């Protein structure tokens, strides 16, 4: 079965839209940040994802291990060890 370039573009566009809907709103828009701060947040998020992927692929950690790491980081933020002191 052949598909035209137009059909392929439409399929890709629909798939991107579907994936974006599944992903939900990005952090920056949820937090209502300035465009400069939004860029910094997205960069930090990408770096964190890179590190988690590295731990998964190179250190053979499971998703449950990655979740535990993130949960500990959240506890550290809530305790004032990271970010604004409480």
Protein backbone atom coordinates (compact mmCIF):
# COMPACT_ATOMS: atom_id res chain seq x y z
CA UNK A 1 0.00 0.00 0.00
CA UNK A 2 1.37 3.38 -0.98
CA UNK A 3 0.69 6.59 0.89
CA UNK A 4 1.25 10.06 -0.43
CA UNK A 5 3.49 12.64 1.19
CA UNK A 6 0.39 14.58 2.17
CA UNK A 7 -1.08 11.53 3.91
CA UNK A 8 2.22 10.85 5.68
CA UNK A 9 2.40 14.45 6.91
CA UNK A 10 -1.18 14.21 8.19
CA UNK A 11 -0.45 10.94 9.97
CA UNK A 12 2.67 12.40 11.60
CA UNK A 13 0.80 15.55 12.62
CA UNK A 14 -2.02 13.50 14.17
CA UNK A 15 0.44 11.25 15.99
CA UNK A 16 2.35 14.23 17.40
CA UNK A 17 -0.92 15.75 18.59
CA UNK A 18 -1.94 12.46 20.22
CA UNK A 19 1.42 12.11 21.97
CA UNK A 20 1.27 15.70 23.22
CA UNK A 21 -2.22 15.09 24.61
CA UNK A 22 -1.01 11.98 26.43
CA UNK A 23 1.96 13.84 27.83
CA UNK A 24 -0.17 16.63 29.27
CA UNK A 25 0.83 20.26 29.74
CA UNK A 26 4.50 21.06 30.13
CA UNK A 27 5.86 22.22 33.46
CA UNK A 28 6.55 25.77 32.32
CA UNK A 29 2.97 26.45 31.20
CA UNK A 30 1.58 24.86 34.37
CA UNK A 31 3.78 27.10 36.53
CA UNK A 32 3.06 30.24 34.43
CA UNK A 33 6.73 31.16 34.11
CA UNK A 34 8.32 33.86 32.02
CA UNK A 35 9.72 32.61 28.72
CA UNK A 36 13.29 32.91 30.07
CA UNK A 37 12.48 30.92 33.21
CA UNK A 38 10.43 28.45 31.18
CA UNK A 39 13.45 27.76 28.99
CA UNK A 40 15.60 27.19 32.09
CA UNK A 41 13.00 24.81 33.57
CA UNK A 42 12.72 22.83 30.33
CA UNK A 43 16.52 22.61 30.09
CA UNK A 44 16.74 21.34 33.69
CA UNK A 45 13.97 18.82 33.01
CA UNK A 46 15.79 17.56 29.92
CA UNK A 47 19.04 17.18 31.87
CA UNK A 48 17.28 15.24 34.62
CA UNK A 49 15.66 12.97 32.01
CA UNK A 50 19.08 12.45 30.39
CA UNK A 51 20.58 11.39 33.72
CA UNK A 52 17.68 9.05 34.49
CA UNK A 53 17.98 7.46 31.05
CA UNK A 54 21.71 7.05 31.64
CA UNK A 55 21.07 5.32 34.96
CA UNK A 56 18.52 3.06 33.29
CA UNK A 57 20.68 2.11 30.30
CA UNK A 58 24.21 2.19 31.77
CA UNK A 59 23.63 1.20 35.39
CA UNK A 60 20.73 -1.16 34.63
CA UNK A 61 18.39 0.47 37.14
CA UNK A 62 14.69 -0.35 36.87
CA UNK A 63 11.91 2.22 36.57
CA UNK A 64 11.02 1.56 40.22
CA UNK A 65 14.60 2.57 41.17
CA UNK A 66 14.30 5.77 39.13
CA UNK A 67 10.99 6.57 40.80
CA UNK A 68 12.59 6.03 44.23
CA UNK A 69 15.37 8.48 43.30
CA UNK A 70 12.84 11.10 42.22
CA UNK A 71 10.72 10.55 45.33
CA UNK A 72 13.80 11.07 47.51
CA UNK A 73 14.56 14.27 45.62
CA UNK A 74 11.02 15.49 46.30
CA UNK A 75 11.47 14.71 50.00
CA UNK A 76 14.74 16.67 49.96
CA UNK A 77 12.99 19.66 48.40
CA UNK A 78 10.14 19.46 50.92
CA UNK A 79 12.64 19.22 53.80
CA UNK A 80 14.56 22.26 52.65
CA UNK A 81 17.73 20.42 51.67
CA UNK A 82 17.22 21.54 48.08
CA UNK A 83 15.68 24.84 47.02
CA UNK A 84 14.05 27.20 49.48
CA UNK A 85 14.84 26.34 53.10
CA UNK A 86 11.82 25.39 55.19
